[in-house]
mmCIF file of all heavy atoms, coordinates in Angstrom:
data_MODEL
# 
_entry.id   MODEL 
# 
loop_
_atom_site.group_PDB 
_atom_site.id 
_atom_site.type_symbol 
_atom_site.label_atom_id 
_atom_site.label_alt_id 
_atom_site.label_comp_id 
_atom_site.label_asym_id 
_atom_site.label_entity_id 
_atom_site.label_seq_id 
_atom_site.pdbx_PDB_ins_code 
_atom_site.Cartn_x 
_atom_site.Cartn_y 
_atom_site.Cartn_z 
_atom_site.occupancy 
_atom_site.B_iso_or_equiv 
_atom_site.pdbx_formal_charge 
_atom_site.auth_seq_id 
_atom_site.auth_comp_id 
_atom_site.auth_asym_id 
_atom_site.auth_atom_id 
_atom_site.pdbx_PDB_model_num 
ATOM 1   N N   . VAL A 1 1  ? -4.337  53.492 -8.119  1.00 0.00 ? 1  VAL A N   1 
ATOM 2   C CA  . VAL A 1 1  ? -4.224  53.606 -9.624  1.00 0.00 ? 1  VAL A CA  1 
ATOM 3   C C   . VAL A 1 1  ? -2.904  54.301 -9.964  1.00 0.00 ? 1  VAL A C   1 
ATOM 4   O O   . VAL A 1 1  ? -2.646  55.440 -9.346  1.00 0.00 ? 1  VAL A O   1 
ATOM 5   C CB  . VAL A 1 1  ? -5.387  54.320 -10.244 1.00 0.00 ? 1  VAL A CB  1 
ATOM 6   C CG1 . VAL A 1 1  ? -5.237  54.457 -11.726 1.00 0.00 ? 1  VAL A CG1 1 
ATOM 7   C CG2 . VAL A 1 1  ? -6.659  53.563 -9.883  1.00 0.00 ? 1  VAL A CG2 1 
ATOM 8   N N   . ALA A 1 2  ? -2.145  53.838 -10.821 1.00 0.00 ? 2  ALA A N   1 
ATOM 9   C CA  . ALA A 1 2  ? -0.950  54.470 -11.344 1.00 0.00 ? 2  ALA A CA  1 
ATOM 10  C C   . ALA A 1 2  ? -1.159  55.164 -12.574 1.00 0.00 ? 2  ALA A C   1 
ATOM 11  O O   . ALA A 1 2  ? -1.716  54.630 -13.592 1.00 0.00 ? 2  ALA A O   1 
ATOM 12  C CB  . ALA A 1 2  ? 0.174   53.497 -11.505 1.00 0.00 ? 2  ALA A CB  1 
ATOM 13  N N   . LEU A 1 3  ? -0.801  56.471 -12.717 1.00 0.00 ? 3  LEU A N   1 
ATOM 14  C CA  . LEU A 1 3  ? -0.938  57.245 -13.890 1.00 0.00 ? 3  LEU A CA  1 
ATOM 15  C C   . LEU A 1 3  ? 0.488   57.557 -14.451 1.00 0.00 ? 3  LEU A C   1 
ATOM 16  O O   . LEU A 1 3  ? 1.228   58.222 -13.906 1.00 0.00 ? 3  LEU A O   1 
ATOM 17  C CB  . LEU A 1 3  ? -1.689  58.558 -13.583 1.00 0.00 ? 3  LEU A CB  1 
ATOM 18  C CG  . LEU A 1 3  ? -3.073  58.481 -13.160 1.00 0.00 ? 3  LEU A CG  1 
ATOM 19  C CD1 . LEU A 1 3  ? -3.561  59.615 -12.381 1.00 0.00 ? 3  LEU A CD1 1 
ATOM 20  C CD2 . LEU A 1 3  ? -3.991  58.100 -14.313 1.00 0.00 ? 3  LEU A CD2 1 
ATOM 21  N N   . CYS A 1 4  ? 0.710   56.985 -15.705 1.00 0.00 ? 4  CYS A N   1 
ATOM 22  C CA  . CYS A 1 4  ? 1.959   57.056 -16.386 1.00 0.00 ? 4  CYS A CA  1 
ATOM 23  C C   . CYS A 1 4  ? 1.855   58.151 -17.436 1.00 0.00 ? 4  CYS A C   1 
ATOM 24  O O   . CYS A 1 4  ? 1.338   57.924 -18.490 1.00 0.00 ? 4  CYS A O   1 
ATOM 25  C CB  . CYS A 1 4  ? 2.359   55.755 -16.858 1.00 0.00 ? 4  CYS A CB  1 
ATOM 26  S SG  . CYS A 1 4  ? 2.532   54.458 -15.663 1.00 0.00 ? 4  CYS A SG  1 
ATOM 27  N N   . GLY A 1 5  ? 2.381   59.318 -17.133 1.00 0.00 ? 5  GLY A N   1 
ATOM 28  C CA  . GLY A 1 5  ? 2.201   60.489 -18.011 1.00 0.00 ? 5  GLY A CA  1 
ATOM 29  C C   . GLY A 1 5  ? 1.107   61.392 -17.376 1.00 0.00 ? 5  GLY A C   1 
ATOM 30  O O   . GLY A 1 5  ? 0.026   60.902 -17.151 1.00 0.00 ? 5  GLY A O   1 
ATOM 31  N N   . LEU A 1 6  ? 1.425   62.679 -17.198 1.00 0.00 ? 6  LEU A N   1 
ATOM 32  C CA  . LEU A 1 6  ? 0.505   63.586 -16.498 1.00 0.00 ? 6  LEU A CA  1 
ATOM 33  C C   . LEU A 1 6  ? 0.198   64.818 -17.474 1.00 0.00 ? 6  LEU A C   1 
ATOM 34  O O   . LEU A 1 6  ? 0.010   65.903 -16.917 1.00 0.00 ? 6  LEU A O   1 
ATOM 35  C CB  . LEU A 1 6  ? 1.129   64.020 -15.233 1.00 0.00 ? 6  LEU A CB  1 
ATOM 36  C CG  . LEU A 1 6  ? 1.418   62.758 -14.250 1.00 0.00 ? 6  LEU A CG  1 
ATOM 37  C CD1 . LEU A 1 6  ? 2.126   63.367 -12.984 1.00 0.00 ? 6  LEU A CD1 1 
ATOM 38  C CD2 . LEU A 1 6  ? 0.194   62.061 -13.877 1.00 0.00 ? 6  LEU A CD2 1 
ATOM 39  N N   . GLY A 1 7  ? 0.097   64.591 -18.723 1.00 0.00 ? 7  GLY A N   1 
ATOM 40  C CA  . GLY A 1 7  ? -0.211  65.656 -19.668 1.00 0.00 ? 7  GLY A CA  1 
ATOM 41  C C   . GLY A 1 7  ? -1.801  65.759 -19.791 1.00 0.00 ? 7  GLY A C   1 
ATOM 42  O O   . GLY A 1 7  ? -2.519  65.714 -18.877 1.00 0.00 ? 7  GLY A O   1 
ATOM 43  N N   . GLY A 1 8  ? -2.167  65.961 -21.046 1.00 0.00 ? 8  GLY A N   1 
ATOM 44  C CA  . GLY A 1 8  ? -3.606  66.097 -21.342 1.00 0.00 ? 8  GLY A CA  1 
ATOM 45  C C   . GLY A 1 8  ? -4.511  65.013 -20.940 1.00 0.00 ? 8  GLY A C   1 
ATOM 46  O O   . GLY A 1 8  ? -5.535  65.175 -20.275 1.00 0.00 ? 8  GLY A O   1 
ATOM 47  N N   . LEU A 1 9  ? -3.917  63.793 -21.092 1.00 0.00 ? 9  LEU A N   1 
ATOM 48  C CA  . LEU A 1 9  ? -4.700  62.566 -20.639 1.00 0.00 ? 9  LEU A CA  1 
ATOM 49  C C   . LEU A 1 9  ? -4.602  62.464 -19.170 1.00 0.00 ? 9  LEU A C   1 
ATOM 50  O O   . LEU A 1 9  ? -5.610  62.418 -18.396 1.00 0.00 ? 9  LEU A O   1 
ATOM 51  C CB  . LEU A 1 9  ? -4.305  61.349 -21.344 1.00 0.00 ? 9  LEU A CB  1 
ATOM 52  C CG  . LEU A 1 9  ? -4.552  61.201 -22.872 1.00 0.00 ? 9  LEU A CG  1 
ATOM 53  C CD1 . LEU A 1 9  ? -3.745  60.032 -23.474 1.00 0.00 ? 9  LEU A CD1 1 
ATOM 54  C CD2 . LEU A 1 9  ? -5.985  61.097 -23.204 1.00 0.00 ? 9  LEU A CD2 1 
ATOM 55  N N   . GLY A 1 10 ? -3.368  62.285 -18.632 1.00 0.00 ? 10 GLY A N   1 
ATOM 56  C CA  . GLY A 1 10 ? -3.139  61.913 -17.261 1.00 0.00 ? 10 GLY A CA  1 
ATOM 57  C C   . GLY A 1 10 ? -3.647  62.935 -16.276 1.00 0.00 ? 10 GLY A C   1 
ATOM 58  O O   . GLY A 1 10 ? -4.286  62.548 -15.260 1.00 0.00 ? 10 GLY A O   1 
ATOM 59  N N   . SER A 1 11 ? -3.596  64.215 -16.589 1.00 0.00 ? 11 SER A N   1 
ATOM 60  C CA  . SER A 1 11 ? -4.042  65.250 -15.620 1.00 0.00 ? 11 SER A CA  1 
ATOM 61  C C   . SER A 1 11 ? -5.616  65.250 -15.528 1.00 0.00 ? 11 SER A C   1 
ATOM 62  O O   . SER A 1 11 ? -6.108  65.335 -14.485 1.00 0.00 ? 11 SER A O   1 
ATOM 63  C CB  . SER A 1 11 ? -3.478  66.600 -15.998 1.00 0.00 ? 11 SER A CB  1 
ATOM 64  O OG  . SER A 1 11 ? -4.003  67.047 -17.290 1.00 0.00 ? 11 SER A OG  1 
ATOM 65  N N   . HIS A 1 12 ? -6.269  64.918 -16.690 1.00 0.00 ? 12 HIS A N   1 
ATOM 66  C CA  . HIS A 1 12 ? -7.702  64.861 -16.630 1.00 0.00 ? 12 HIS A CA  1 
ATOM 67  C C   . HIS A 1 12 ? -8.166  63.581 -15.885 1.00 0.00 ? 12 HIS A C   1 
ATOM 68  O O   . HIS A 1 12 ? -9.073  63.576 -15.180 1.00 0.00 ? 12 HIS A O   1 
ATOM 69  C CB  . HIS A 1 12 ? -8.284  64.755 -18.058 1.00 0.00 ? 12 HIS A CB  1 
ATOM 70  C CG  . HIS A 1 12 ? -8.353  66.163 -18.705 1.00 0.00 ? 12 HIS A CG  1 
ATOM 71  N ND1 . HIS A 1 12 ? -7.375  66.782 -19.262 1.00 0.00 ? 12 HIS A ND1 1 
ATOM 72  C CD2 . HIS A 1 12 ? -9.397  67.062 -18.785 1.00 0.00 ? 12 HIS A CD2 1 
ATOM 73  C CE1 . HIS A 1 12 ? -7.751  67.947 -19.768 1.00 0.00 ? 12 HIS A CE1 1 
ATOM 74  N NE2 . HIS A 1 12 ? -8.999  68.138 -19.498 1.00 0.00 ? 12 HIS A NE2 1 
ATOM 75  N N   . ILE A 1 13 ? -7.466  62.473 -16.253 1.00 0.00 ? 13 ILE A N   1 
ATOM 76  C CA  . ILE A 1 13 ? -7.841  61.173 -15.571 1.00 0.00 ? 13 ILE A CA  1 
ATOM 77  C C   . ILE A 1 13 ? -7.669  61.400 -14.162 1.00 0.00 ? 13 ILE A C   1 
ATOM 78  O O   . ILE A 1 13 ? -8.591  60.886 -13.364 1.00 0.00 ? 13 ILE A O   1 
ATOM 79  C CB  . ILE A 1 13 ? -6.908  60.072 -16.108 1.00 0.00 ? 13 ILE A CB  1 
ATOM 80  C CG1 . ILE A 1 13 ? -7.210  59.781 -17.564 1.00 0.00 ? 13 ILE A CG1 1 
ATOM 81  C CG2 . ILE A 1 13 ? -7.220  58.790 -15.296 1.00 0.00 ? 13 ILE A CG2 1 
ATOM 82  C CD1 . ILE A 1 13 ? -6.143  58.934 -18.186 1.00 0.00 ? 13 ILE A CD1 1 
ATOM 83  N N   . ALA A 1 14 ? -6.623  61.963 -13.658 1.00 0.00 ? 14 ALA A N   1 
ATOM 84  C CA  . ALA A 1 14 ? -6.427  62.105 -12.215 1.00 0.00 ? 14 ALA A CA  1 
ATOM 85  C C   . ALA A 1 14 ? -7.413  62.835 -11.463 1.00 0.00 ? 14 ALA A C   1 
ATOM 86  O O   . ALA A 1 14 ? -7.843  62.414 -10.465 1.00 0.00 ? 14 ALA A O   1 
ATOM 87  C CB  . ALA A 1 14 ? -5.011  62.735 -12.029 1.00 0.00 ? 14 ALA A CB  1 
ATOM 88  N N   . LEU A 1 15 ? -7.879  63.966 -12.141 1.00 0.00 ? 15 LEU A N   1 
ATOM 89  C CA  . LEU A 1 15 ? -8.833  64.751 -11.506 1.00 0.00 ? 15 LEU A CA  1 
ATOM 90  C C   . LEU A 1 15 ? -10.217 63.968 -11.291 1.00 0.00 ? 15 LEU A C   1 
ATOM 91  O O   . LEU A 1 15 ? -10.883 63.968 -10.339 1.00 0.00 ? 15 LEU A O   1 
ATOM 92  C CB  . LEU A 1 15 ? -9.153  66.025 -12.307 1.00 0.00 ? 15 LEU A CB  1 
ATOM 93  C CG  . LEU A 1 15 ? -8.359  67.337 -11.883 1.00 0.00 ? 15 LEU A CG  1 
ATOM 94  C CD1 . LEU A 1 15 ? -8.864  67.868 -10.575 1.00 0.00 ? 15 LEU A CD1 1 
ATOM 95  C CD2 . LEU A 1 15 ? -6.865  67.155 -11.818 1.00 0.00 ? 15 LEU A CD2 1 
ATOM 96  N N   . THR A 1 16 ? -10.554 63.222 -12.384 1.00 0.00 ? 16 THR A N   1 
ATOM 97  C CA  . THR A 1 16 ? -11.776 62.404 -12.335 1.00 0.00 ? 16 THR A CA  1 
ATOM 98  C C   . THR A 1 16 ? -11.713 61.351 -11.175 1.00 0.00 ? 16 THR A C   1 
ATOM 99  O O   . THR A 1 16 ? -12.679 61.188 -10.453 1.00 0.00 ? 16 THR A O   1 
ATOM 100 C CB  . THR A 1 16 ? -12.065 61.799 -13.690 1.00 0.00 ? 16 THR A CB  1 
ATOM 101 O OG1 . THR A 1 16 ? -12.235 62.809 -14.678 1.00 0.00 ? 16 THR A OG1 1 
ATOM 102 C CG2 . THR A 1 16 ? -13.343 61.008 -13.639 1.00 0.00 ? 16 THR A CG2 1 
ATOM 103 N N   . LEU A 1 17 ? -10.625 60.650 -11.102 1.00 0.00 ? 17 LEU A N   1 
ATOM 104 C CA  . LEU A 1 17 ? -10.467 59.610 -10.177 1.00 0.00 ? 17 LEU A CA  1 
ATOM 105 C C   . LEU A 1 17 ? -10.432 60.201 -8.765  1.00 0.00 ? 17 LEU A C   1 
ATOM 106 O O   . LEU A 1 17 ? -10.958 59.593 -7.783  1.00 0.00 ? 17 LEU A O   1 
ATOM 107 C CB  . LEU A 1 17 ? -9.192  58.767 -10.451 1.00 0.00 ? 17 LEU A CB  1 
ATOM 108 C CG  . LEU A 1 17 ? -9.218  58.048 -11.821 1.00 0.00 ? 17 LEU A CG  1 
ATOM 109 C CD1 . LEU A 1 17 ? -7.926  57.150 -11.871 1.00 0.00 ? 17 LEU A CD1 1 
ATOM 110 C CD2 . LEU A 1 17 ? -10.399 57.120 -11.950 1.00 0.00 ? 17 LEU A CD2 1 
ATOM 111 N N   . ALA A 1 18 ? -9.852  61.375 -8.599  1.00 0.00 ? 18 ALA A N   1 
ATOM 112 C CA  . ALA A 1 18 ? -9.764  62.013 -7.206  1.00 0.00 ? 18 ALA A CA  1 
ATOM 113 C C   . ALA A 1 18 ? -11.140 62.381 -6.889  1.00 0.00 ? 18 ALA A C   1 
ATOM 114 O O   . ALA A 1 18 ? -11.591 62.152 -5.728  1.00 0.00 ? 18 ALA A O   1 
ATOM 115 C CB  . ALA A 1 18 ? -8.938  63.268 -7.281  1.00 0.00 ? 18 ALA A CB  1 
ATOM 116 N N   . ARG A 1 19 ? -12.056 62.878 -7.766  1.00 0.00 ? 19 ARG A N   1 
ATOM 117 C CA  . ARG A 1 19 ? -13.334 63.299 -7.454  1.00 0.00 ? 19 ARG A CA  1 
ATOM 118 C C   . ARG A 1 19 ? -14.199 62.049 -7.155  1.00 0.00 ? 19 ARG A C   1 
ATOM 119 O O   . ARG A 1 19 ? -15.177 62.150 -6.326  1.00 0.00 ? 19 ARG A O   1 
ATOM 120 C CB  . ARG A 1 19 ? -13.967 64.159 -8.662  1.00 0.00 ? 19 ARG A CB  1 
ATOM 121 C CG  . ARG A 1 19 ? -13.253 65.498 -8.711  1.00 0.00 ? 19 ARG A CG  1 
ATOM 122 C CD  . ARG A 1 19 ? -14.063 66.347 -9.794  1.00 0.00 ? 19 ARG A CD  1 
ATOM 123 N NE  . ARG A 1 19 ? -13.297 67.558 -10.000 1.00 0.00 ? 19 ARG A NE  1 
ATOM 124 C CZ  . ARG A 1 19 ? -13.262 68.711 -9.296  1.00 0.00 ? 19 ARG A CZ  1 
ATOM 125 N NH1 . ARG A 1 19 ? -13.952 68.647 -8.077  1.00 0.00 ? 19 ARG A NH1 1 
ATOM 126 N NH2 . ARG A 1 19 ? -12.574 69.710 -9.615  1.00 0.00 ? 19 ARG A NH2 1 
ATOM 127 N N   . ALA A 1 20 ? -13.968 60.950 -7.779  1.00 0.00 ? 20 ALA A N   1 
ATOM 128 C CA  . ALA A 1 20 ? -14.672 59.745 -7.535  1.00 0.00 ? 20 ALA A CA  1 
ATOM 129 C C   . ALA A 1 20 ? -14.390 59.008 -6.203  1.00 0.00 ? 20 ALA A C   1 
ATOM 130 O O   . ALA A 1 20 ? -15.010 58.128 -5.820  1.00 0.00 ? 20 ALA A O   1 
ATOM 131 C CB  . ALA A 1 20 ? -14.461 58.731 -8.699  1.00 0.00 ? 20 ALA A CB  1 
ATOM 132 N N   . GLY A 1 21 ? -13.270 59.455 -5.593  1.00 0.00 ? 21 GLY A N   1 
ATOM 133 C CA  . GLY A 1 21 ? -12.902 58.872 -4.274  1.00 0.00 ? 21 GLY A CA  1 
ATOM 134 C C   . GLY A 1 21 ? -12.103 57.776 -4.397  1.00 0.00 ? 21 GLY A C   1 
ATOM 135 O O   . GLY A 1 21 ? -11.961 56.854 -3.365  1.00 0.00 ? 21 GLY A O   1 
ATOM 136 N N   . VAL A 1 22 ? -11.261 57.549 -5.523  1.00 0.00 ? 22 VAL A N   1 
ATOM 137 C CA  . VAL A 1 22 ? -10.225 56.484 -5.557  1.00 0.00 ? 22 VAL A CA  1 
ATOM 138 C C   . VAL A 1 22 ? -9.285  56.752 -4.363  1.00 0.00 ? 22 VAL A C   1 
ATOM 139 O O   . VAL A 1 22 ? -8.873  57.928 -4.213  1.00 0.00 ? 22 VAL A O   1 
ATOM 140 C CB  . VAL A 1 22 ? -9.595  56.431 -6.913  1.00 0.00 ? 22 VAL A CB  1 
ATOM 141 C CG1 . VAL A 1 22 ? -8.345  55.616 -6.907  1.00 0.00 ? 22 VAL A CG1 1 
ATOM 142 C CG2 . VAL A 1 22 ? -10.600 55.939 -7.977  1.00 0.00 ? 22 VAL A CG2 1 
ATOM 143 N N   . GLY A 1 23 ? -8.866  55.654 -3.724  1.00 0.00 ? 23 GLY A N   1 
ATOM 144 C CA  . GLY A 1 23 ? -8.031  55.861 -2.534  1.00 0.00 ? 23 GLY A CA  1 
ATOM 145 C C   . GLY A 1 23 ? -6.594  56.388 -2.648  1.00 0.00 ? 23 GLY A C   1 
ATOM 146 O O   . GLY A 1 23 ? -6.272  57.247 -1.952  1.00 0.00 ? 23 GLY A O   1 
ATOM 147 N N   . LYS A 1 24 ? -5.931  55.937 -3.688  1.00 0.00 ? 24 LYS A N   1 
ATOM 148 C CA  . LYS A 1 24 ? -4.544  56.454 -3.851  1.00 0.00 ? 24 LYS A CA  1 
ATOM 149 C C   . LYS A 1 24 ? -4.218  56.556 -5.367  1.00 0.00 ? 24 LYS A C   1 
ATOM 150 O O   . LYS A 1 24 ? -4.539  55.659 -6.094  1.00 0.00 ? 24 LYS A O   1 
ATOM 151 C CB  . LYS A 1 24 ? -3.564  55.420 -3.193  1.00 0.00 ? 24 LYS A CB  1 
ATOM 152 C CG  . LYS A 1 24 ? -2.119  55.811 -3.314  1.00 0.00 ? 24 LYS A CG  1 
ATOM 153 C CD  . LYS A 1 24 ? -1.279  54.815 -2.508  1.00 0.00 ? 24 LYS A CD  1 
ATOM 154 C CE  . LYS A 1 24 ? 0.270   55.174 -2.642  1.00 0.00 ? 24 LYS A CE  1 
ATOM 155 N NZ  . LYS A 1 24 ? 1.094   54.296 -1.896  1.00 0.00 ? 24 LYS A NZ  1 
ATOM 156 N N   . LEU A 1 25 ? -3.470  57.548 -5.651  1.00 0.00 ? 25 LEU A N   1 
ATOM 157 C CA  . LEU A 1 25 ? -3.001  57.728 -7.033  1.00 0.00 ? 25 LEU A CA  1 
ATOM 158 C C   . LEU A 1 25 ? -1.475  57.908 -6.974  1.00 0.00 ? 25 LEU A C   1 
ATOM 159 O O   . LEU A 1 25 ? -0.837  58.546 -6.240  1.00 0.00 ? 25 LEU A O   1 
ATOM 160 C CB  . LEU A 1 25 ? -3.479  58.939 -7.713  1.00 0.00 ? 25 LEU A CB  1 
ATOM 161 C CG  . LEU A 1 25 ? -5.040  59.075 -7.850  1.00 0.00 ? 25 LEU A CG  1 
ATOM 162 C CD1 . LEU A 1 25 ? -5.443  60.426 -8.454  1.00 0.00 ? 25 LEU A CD1 1 
ATOM 163 C CD2 . LEU A 1 25 ? -5.561  57.891 -8.661  1.00 0.00 ? 25 LEU A CD2 1 
ATOM 164 N N   . ILE A 1 26 ? -0.803  57.048 -7.854  1.00 0.00 ? 26 ILE A N   1 
ATOM 165 C CA  . ILE A 1 26 ? 0.622   57.142 -8.144  1.00 0.00 ? 26 ILE A CA  1 
ATOM 166 C C   . ILE A 1 26 ? 0.848   58.055 -9.315  1.00 0.00 ? 26 ILE A C   1 
ATOM 167 O O   . ILE A 1 26 ? 0.333   57.677 -10.424 1.00 0.00 ? 26 ILE A O   1 
ATOM 168 C CB  . ILE A 1 26 ? 1.195   55.795 -8.270  1.00 0.00 ? 26 ILE A CB  1 
ATOM 169 C CG1 . ILE A 1 26 ? 0.960   54.843 -7.013  1.00 0.00 ? 26 ILE A CG1 1 
ATOM 170 C CG2 . ILE A 1 26 ? 2.775   55.886 -8.531  1.00 0.00 ? 26 ILE A CG2 1 
ATOM 171 C CD1 . ILE A 1 26 ? 1.400   53.451 -7.297  1.00 0.00 ? 26 ILE A CD1 1 
ATOM 172 N N   . LEU A 1 27 ? 1.485   59.072 -9.212  1.00 0.00 ? 27 LEU A N   1 
ATOM 173 C CA  . LEU A 1 27 ? 1.652   60.075 -10.256 1.00 0.00 ? 27 LEU A CA  1 
ATOM 174 C C   . LEU A 1 27 ? 3.050   60.050 -10.792 1.00 0.00 ? 27 LEU A C   1 
ATOM 175 O O   . LEU A 1 27 ? 4.040   60.426 -10.107 1.00 0.00 ? 27 LEU A O   1 
ATOM 176 C CB  . LEU A 1 27 ? 1.387   61.491 -9.727  1.00 0.00 ? 27 LEU A CB  1 
ATOM 177 C CG  . LEU A 1 27 ? -0.032  61.622 -9.052  1.00 0.00 ? 27 LEU A CG  1 
ATOM 178 C CD1 . LEU A 1 27 ? -0.092  63.100 -8.491  1.00 0.00 ? 27 LEU A CD1 1 
ATOM 179 C CD2 . LEU A 1 27 ? -1.143  61.390 -9.948  1.00 0.00 ? 27 LEU A CD2 1 
ATOM 180 N N   . LEU A 1 28 ? 3.237   59.609 -12.096 1.00 0.00 ? 28 LEU A N   1 
ATOM 181 C CA  . LEU A 1 28 ? 4.600   59.415 -12.650 1.00 0.00 ? 28 LEU A CA  1 
ATOM 182 C C   . LEU A 1 28 ? 4.795   60.280 -13.942 1.00 0.00 ? 28 LEU A C   1 
ATOM 183 O O   . LEU A 1 28 ? 4.135   60.177 -14.892 1.00 0.00 ? 28 LEU A O   1 
ATOM 184 C CB  . LEU A 1 28 ? 4.760   57.963 -13.030 1.00 0.00 ? 28 LEU A CB  1 
ATOM 185 C CG  . LEU A 1 28 ? 4.507   56.935 -11.841 1.00 0.00 ? 28 LEU A CG  1 
ATOM 186 C CD1 . LEU A 1 28 ? 4.518   55.528 -12.361 1.00 0.00 ? 28 LEU A CD1 1 
ATOM 187 C CD2 . LEU A 1 28 ? 5.595   57.160 -10.820 1.00 0.00 ? 28 LEU A CD2 1 
# 
């Protein structure tokens, strides 16, 4: 999953997906 923007939305989304065990995150 690619996250475009890592502010209020992106940082929260990333934490949730990480905890769910998504394999790879692209952080932009």
